[in-house]
Amino acid sequence: MWRSFFLGFGAYITLLGVEALAVDKAVLKPEMVGQDKFIKSREVIPPDWAPWTLMGAGAVTVLYSFTIPQRVTKNK
């Protein structure tokens, strides 16, 4: 169970780093104006170090997941 958890977490973090490398900014909510409502948009701009740090940490986590021994089950 731990092996698959760390493998999935590492793959997610690696893909998040690749996405941060490709995207300059992400808009979480677009601005909407209508019937006395104004929702302000929120932009997320990743710093320059974030993509490389996320990809490196994700790769190390994936490699770590391969060193965790598999659970051996015996048939009775």
C-alpha atoms as a PDB file:
ATOM      1  CA  MET A   1       0.000   0.000   0.000  1.00  0.00           C
ATOM      2  CA  TRP A   2       2.783   2.451   0.885  1.00  0.00           C
ATOM      3  CA  ARG A   3       4.606   1.664  -2.323  1.00  0.00           C
ATOM      4  CA  SER A   4       1.642   2.602  -4.497  1.00  0.00           C
ATOM      5  CA  PHE A   5       0.960   5.704  -2.387  1.00  0.00           C
ATOM      6  CA  PHE A   6       4.487   7.057  -2.836  1.00  0.00           C
ATOM      7  CA  LEU A   7       4.490   6.159  -6.526  1.00  0.00           C
ATOM      8  CA  GLY A   8       1.229   8.031  -7.117  1.00  0.00           C
ATOM      9  CA  PHE A   9       2.302  11.011  -5.006  1.00  0.00           C
ATOM     10  CA  GLY A  10       5.643  11.255  -6.793  1.00  0.00           C
ATOM     11  CA  ALA A  11       4.027  11.034 -10.219  1.00  0.00           C
ATOM     12  CA  TYR A  12       1.529  13.744  -9.257  1.00  0.00           C
ATOM     13  CA  ILE A  13       4.248  16.088  -7.995  1.00  0.00           C
ATOM     14  CA  THR A  14       6.333  15.477 -11.127  1.00  0.00           C
ATOM     15  CA  LEU A  15       3.404  16.257 -13.417  1.00  0.00           C
ATOM     16  CA  LEU A  16       2.614  19.364 -11.373  1.00  0.00           C
ATOM     17  CA  GLY A  17       6.196  20.523 -11.924  1.00  0.00           C
ATOM     18  CA  VAL A  18       5.935  19.914 -15.672  1.00  0.00           C
ATOM     19  CA  GLU A  19       2.701  21.887 -15.730  1.00  0.00           C
ATOM     20  CA  ALA A  20       4.286  24.762 -13.804  1.00  0.00           C
ATOM     21  CA  LEU A  21       7.117  24.787 -16.347  1.00  0.00           C
ATOM     22  CA  ALA A  22       4.692  25.101 -19.255  1.00  0.00           C
ATOM     23  CA  VAL A  23       2.226  27.613 -17.758  1.00  0.00           C
ATOM     24  CA  ASP A  24       3.084  31.232 -16.990  1.00  0.00           C
ATOM     25  CA  LYS A  25       0.016  31.896 -14.857  1.00  0.00           C
ATOM     26  CA  ALA A  26      -3.249  30.196 -13.940  1.00  0.00           C
ATOM     27  CA  VAL A  27      -6.546  32.025 -13.409  1.00  0.00           C
ATOM     28  CA  LEU A  28      -8.638  30.252 -10.779  1.00  0.00           C
ATOM     29  CA  LYS A  29     -11.843  32.271 -11.144  1.00  0.00           C
ATOM     30  CA  PRO A  30     -12.638  34.414 -14.150  1.00  0.00           C
ATOM     31  CA  GLU A  31     -14.048  37.873 -13.527  1.00  0.00           C
ATOM     32  CA  MET A  32     -17.836  37.858 -13.645  1.00  0.00           C
ATOM     33  CA  VAL A  33     -20.119  40.862 -13.595  1.00  0.00           C
ATOM     34  CA  GLY A  34     -23.851  40.408 -13.354  1.00  0.00           C
ATOM     35  CA  GLN A  35     -26.826  41.432 -11.254  1.00  0.00           C
ATOM     36  CA  ASP A  36     -24.938  43.409  -8.611  1.00  0.00           C
ATOM     37  CA  LYS A  37     -22.261  40.741  -8.194  1.00  0.00           C
ATOM     38  CA  PHE A  38     -18.588  41.113  -8.905  1.00  0.00           C
ATOM     39  CA  ILE A  39     -16.311  38.130  -8.373  1.00  0.00           C
ATOM     40  CA  LYS A  40     -12.638  38.973  -8.438  1.00  0.00           C
ATOM     41  CA  SER A  41     -10.350  36.603 -10.295  1.00  0.00           C
ATOM     42  CA  ARG A  42      -7.361  35.017  -8.584  1.00  0.00           C
ATOM     43  CA  GLU A  43      -4.125  34.423 -10.459  1.00  0.00           C
ATOM     44  CA  VAL A  44      -1.448  31.948  -9.435  1.00  0.00           C
ATOM     45  CA  ILE A  45       2.003  32.697 -10.836  1.00  0.00           C
ATOM     46  CA  PRO A  46       4.588  30.020  -9.966  1.00  0.00           C
ATOM     47  CA  PRO A  47       8.058  31.279  -9.033  1.00  0.00           C
ATOM     48  CA  ASP A  48      11.015  30.422 -11.270  1.00  0.00           C
ATOM     49  CA  TRP A  49      12.325  27.726  -8.922  1.00  0.00           C
ATOM     50  CA  ALA A  50       9.008  25.871  -8.460  1.00  0.00           C
ATOM     51  CA  PRO A  51       8.951  23.695 -11.631  1.00  0.00           C
ATOM     52  CA  TRP A  52      12.445  22.319 -11.131  1.00  0.00           C
ATOM     53  CA  THR A  53      11.949  21.733  -7.420  1.00  0.00           C
ATOM     54  CA  LEU A  54       8.649  19.912  -7.956  1.00  0.00           C
ATOM     55  CA  MET A  55      10.033  17.755 -10.770  1.00  0.00           C
ATOM     56  CA  GLY A  56      13.126  16.877  -8.734  1.00  0.00           C
ATOM     57  CA  ALA A  57      11.197  16.044  -5.569  1.00  0.00           C
ATOM     58  CA  GLY A  58       8.685  13.998  -7.559  1.00  0.00           C
ATOM     59  CA  ALA A  59      11.419  12.040  -9.329  1.00  0.00           C
ATOM     60  CA  VAL A  60      13.161  11.283  -6.035  1.00  0.00           C
ATOM     61  CA  THR A  61       9.850  10.147  -4.521  1.00  0.00           C
ATOM     62  CA  VAL A  62       9.136   7.864  -7.496  1.00  0.00           C
ATOM     63  CA  LEU A  63      12.610   6.343  -7.214  1.00  0.00           C
ATOM     64  CA  TYR A  64      12.102   5.902  -3.470  1.00  0.00           C
ATOM     65  CA  SER A  65       8.846   4.074  -4.093  1.00  0.00           C
ATOM     66  CA  PHE A  66      10.719   1.444  -6.107  1.00  0.00           C
ATOM     67  CA  THR A  67      12.983   0.674  -3.127  1.00  0.00           C
ATOM     68  CA  ILE A  68      10.076  -0.100  -0.788  1.00  0.00           C
ATOM     69  CA  PRO A  69       9.717  -3.884  -0.631  1.00  0.00           C
ATOM     70  CA  GLN A  70       6.498  -5.426  -1.880  1.00  0.00           C
ATOM     71  CA  ARG A  71       4.291  -7.233   0.582  1.00  0.00           C
ATOM     72  CA  VAL A  72       4.463 -10.976   0.027  1.00  0.00           C
ATOM     73  CA  THR A  73       1.208 -12.867   0.518  1.00  0.00           C
ATOM     74  CA  LYS A  74       1.129 -16.627   0.922  1.00  0.00           C
ATOM     75  CA  ASN A  75      -1.720 -18.783  -0.304  1.00  0.00           C
ATOM     76  CA  LYS A  76      -2.999 -21.190   2.320  1.00  0.00           C
END
